[in-house]
């Protein structure tokens, strides 16, 4: 499986270890998924970032709980990490595009 182009794809501008505690960390997939929590009776949206490293594979789930509130959950190599560590790892590994996907169309 080819890794996604994330923050660690440019080796010249990045530190040798973009995710503290993991070596050669790379994003494998970013998927949108429905999720249920104990706190909410409704189905919420979440992003699941699958990642691989020399220590193994895992995933970080970013749950959009509404009203701007986000929660992070980890499994695999990310199991037991604090919310702050998960947020930092998610930001370091998430794929980025070179240009903005938002475009204003001129009509008329």
C-alpha atoms as a PDB file:
ATOM      1  CA  UNK A   1       0.000   0.000   0.000  1.00  0.00           C
ATOM      2  CA  UNK A   2       1.456   3.375  -1.046  1.00  0.00           C
ATOM      3  CA  UNK A   3       1.622   5.944   1.789  1.00  0.00           C
ATOM      4  CA  UNK A   4      -0.377   9.147   1.417  1.00  0.00           C
ATOM      5  CA  UNK A   5       1.444  12.416   0.884  1.00  0.00           C
ATOM      6  CA  UNK A   6       1.436  13.900   4.374  1.00  0.00           C
ATOM      7  CA  UNK A   7       3.491  16.302   6.382  1.00  0.00           C
ATOM      8  CA  UNK A   8       6.372  13.823   6.474  1.00  0.00           C
ATOM      9  CA  UNK A   9       6.655  13.461   2.682  1.00  0.00           C
ATOM     10  CA  UNK A  10       9.234  16.257   2.348  1.00  0.00           C
ATOM     11  CA  UNK A  11      12.294  15.000   4.210  1.00  0.00           C
ATOM     12  CA  UNK A  12      14.275  18.231   3.792  1.00  0.00           C
ATOM     13  CA  UNK A  13      11.911  20.475   5.764  1.00  0.00           C
ATOM     14  CA  UNK A  14      10.832  17.994   8.442  1.00  0.00           C
ATOM     15  CA  UNK A  15      12.513  16.774  11.577  1.00  0.00           C
ATOM     16  CA  UNK A  16      13.723  13.152  11.401  1.00  0.00           C
ATOM     17  CA  UNK A  17      10.887  12.069  13.732  1.00  0.00           C
ATOM     18  CA  UNK A  18       7.628  13.952  12.927  1.00  0.00           C
ATOM     19  CA  UNK A  19       5.694  11.843  15.450  1.00  0.00           C
ATOM     20  CA  UNK A  20       7.553  11.563  18.778  1.00  0.00           C
ATOM     21  CA  UNK A  21       7.877   7.938  19.851  1.00  0.00           C
ATOM     22  CA  UNK A  22       7.428   6.502  16.337  1.00  0.00           C
ATOM     23  CA  UNK A  23      10.093   6.032  13.684  1.00  0.00           C
ATOM     24  CA  UNK A  24       9.304   6.249   9.973  1.00  0.00           C
ATOM     25  CA  UNK A  25       5.682   7.159  10.720  1.00  0.00           C
ATOM     26  CA  UNK A  26       3.528   7.557   7.614  1.00  0.00           C
ATOM     27  CA  UNK A  27      -0.155   7.937   6.791  1.00  0.00           C
ATOM     28  CA  UNK A  28      -1.691   4.947   5.011  1.00  0.00           C
ATOM     29  CA  UNK A  29      -5.325   6.042   4.553  1.00  0.00           C
ATOM     30  CA  UNK A  30      -7.737   8.770   5.572  1.00  0.00           C
ATOM     31  CA  UNK A  31     -11.383   7.688   5.622  1.00  0.00           C
ATOM     32  CA  UNK A  32     -14.651   9.402   6.548  1.00  0.00           C
ATOM     33  CA  UNK A  33     -16.882   7.223   8.711  1.00  0.00           C
ATOM     34  CA  UNK A  34     -20.025   7.347  10.863  1.00  0.00           C
ATOM     35  CA  UNK A  35     -19.508   6.769  14.579  1.00  0.00           C
ATOM     36  CA  UNK A  36     -21.651   6.444  17.710  1.00  0.00           C
ATOM     37  CA  UNK A  37     -20.587   7.513  21.190  1.00  0.00           C
ATOM     38  CA  UNK A  38     -22.055   6.789  24.602  1.00  0.00           C
ATOM     39  CA  UNK A  39     -22.625  10.496  25.189  1.00  0.00           C
ATOM     40  CA  UNK A  40     -24.713  11.036  22.052  1.00  0.00           C
ATOM     41  CA  UNK A  41     -27.821   9.295  20.784  1.00  0.00           C
ATOM     42  CA  UNK A  42     -27.076  10.527  17.270  1.00  0.00           C
ATOM     43  CA  UNK A  43     -24.601   9.265  14.711  1.00  0.00           C
ATOM     44  CA  UNK A  44     -21.594  11.583  14.396  1.00  0.00           C
ATOM     45  CA  UNK A  45     -19.002  12.024  11.663  1.00  0.00           C
ATOM     46  CA  UNK A  46     -15.375  11.067  12.149  1.00  0.00           C
ATOM     47  CA  UNK A  47     -12.110  10.875  10.231  1.00  0.00           C
ATOM     48  CA  UNK A  48     -10.003   7.705  10.617  1.00  0.00           C
ATOM     49  CA  UNK A  49      -6.313   8.192   9.855  1.00  0.00           C
ATOM     50  CA  UNK A  50      -4.583   4.832   9.470  1.00  0.00           C
ATOM     51  CA  UNK A  51      -0.834   4.988   9.960  1.00  0.00           C
ATOM     52  CA  UNK A  52       2.164   2.712   9.877  1.00  0.00           C
ATOM     53  CA  UNK A  53       5.583   2.924  11.518  1.00  0.00           C
ATOM     54  CA  UNK A  54       8.533   0.735  12.448  1.00  0.00           C
ATOM     55  CA  UNK A  55       6.720  -0.001  15.740  1.00  0.00           C
ATOM     56  CA  UNK A  56       3.567  -1.256  13.964  1.00  0.00           C
ATOM     57  CA  UNK A  57       0.271   0.041  12.624  1.00  0.00           C
ATOM     58  CA  UNK A  58      -2.561   1.940  14.251  1.00  0.00           C
ATOM     59  CA  UNK A  59      -5.216   4.547  13.688  1.00  0.00           C
ATOM     60  CA  UNK A  60      -6.304   7.887  15.078  1.00  0.00           C
ATOM     61  CA  UNK A  61     -10.014   8.672  14.943  1.00  0.00           C
ATOM     62  CA  UNK A  62     -10.982  12.351  14.987  1.00  0.00           C
ATOM     63  CA  UNK A  63     -14.606  12.599  16.201  1.00  0.00           C
ATOM     64  CA  UNK A  64     -16.480  15.781  15.351  1.00  0.00           C
ATOM     65  CA  UNK A  65     -18.780  16.055  18.364  1.00  0.00           C
ATOM     66  CA  UNK A  66     -20.499  19.260  17.265  1.00  0.00           C
ATOM     67  CA  UNK A  67     -20.260  22.910  18.331  1.00  0.00           C
ATOM     68  CA  UNK A  68     -16.591  22.910  17.310  1.00  0.00           C
ATOM     69  CA  UNK A  69     -15.742  20.153  19.795  1.00  0.00           C
ATOM     70  CA  UNK A  70     -13.388  17.420  18.589  1.00  0.00           C
ATOM     71  CA  UNK A  71     -12.204  14.247  20.300  1.00  0.00           C
ATOM     72  CA  UNK A  72      -9.336  11.957  19.436  1.00  0.00           C
ATOM     73  CA  UNK A  73      -9.256   8.183  19.932  1.00  0.00           C
ATOM     74  CA  UNK A  74      -6.284   5.926  19.235  1.00  0.00           C
ATOM     75  CA  UNK A  75      -5.837   2.227  18.543  1.00  0.00           C
ATOM     76  CA  UNK A  76      -2.904  -0.009  17.639  1.00  0.00           C
ATOM     77  CA  UNK A  77       0.370   1.834  18.278  1.00  0.00           C
ATOM     78  CA  UNK A  78      -1.653   4.894  19.399  1.00  0.00           C
ATOM     79  CA  UNK A  79      -3.532   3.051  22.158  1.00  0.00           C
ATOM     80  CA  UNK A  80      -3.023   4.784  25.512  1.00  0.00           C
ATOM     81  CA  UNK A  81      -1.821   8.078  24.035  1.00  0.00           C
ATOM     82  CA  UNK A  82      -3.199  11.305  25.529  1.00  0.00           C
ATOM     83  CA  UNK A  83      -5.605  13.487  23.521  1.00  0.00           C
ATOM     84  CA  UNK A  84      -2.823  16.060  23.043  1.00  0.00           C
ATOM     85  CA  UNK A  85      -0.373  13.443  21.727  1.00  0.00           C
ATOM     86  CA  UNK A  86      -3.043  12.107  19.357  1.00  0.00           C
ATOM     87  CA  UNK A  87      -3.827  15.624  18.098  1.00  0.00           C
ATOM     88  CA  UNK A  88      -0.145  16.327  17.420  1.00  0.00           C
ATOM     89  CA  UNK A  89       0.336  12.980  15.635  1.00  0.00           C
ATOM     90  CA  UNK A  90      -2.840  13.505  13.572  1.00  0.00           C
ATOM     91  CA  UNK A  91      -1.688  16.975  12.488  1.00  0.00           C
ATOM     92  CA  UNK A  92       1.792  15.679  11.611  1.00  0.00           C
ATOM     93  CA  UNK A  93       0.485  12.744   9.553  1.00  0.00           C
ATOM     94  CA  UNK A  94      -2.672  14.044   7.890  1.00  0.00           C
ATOM     95  CA  UNK A  95      -2.476  14.440   4.120  1.00  0.00           C
ATOM     96  CA  UNK A  96      -2.270  17.978   2.776  1.00  0.00           C
ATOM     97  CA  UNK A  97      -3.007  19.263  -0.692  1.00  0.00           C
ATOM     98  CA  UNK A  98      -0.698  21.648  -2.483  1.00  0.00           C
ATOM     99  CA  UNK A  99      -3.496  24.028  -3.408  1.00  0.00           C
ATOM    100  CA  UNK A 100      -6.811  24.978  -1.870  1.00  0.00           C
ATOM    101  CA  UNK A 101      -9.819  22.899  -2.926  1.00  0.00           C
ATOM    102  CA  UNK A 102     -12.038  25.984  -2.495  1.00  0.00           C
ATOM    103  CA  UNK A 103     -12.594  27.898  -5.681  1.00  0.00           C
ATOM    104  CA  UNK A 104     -14.918  30.811  -6.378  1.00  0.00           C
ATOM    105  CA  UNK A 105     -16.589  30.530  -9.759  1.00  0.00           C
ATOM    106  CA  UNK A 106     -17.261  33.653 -11.777  1.00  0.00           C
ATOM    107  CA  UNK A 107     -20.692  33.647 -13.326  1.00  0.00           C
ATOM    108  CA  UNK A 108     -21.939  35.954 -16.065  1.00  0.00           C
END
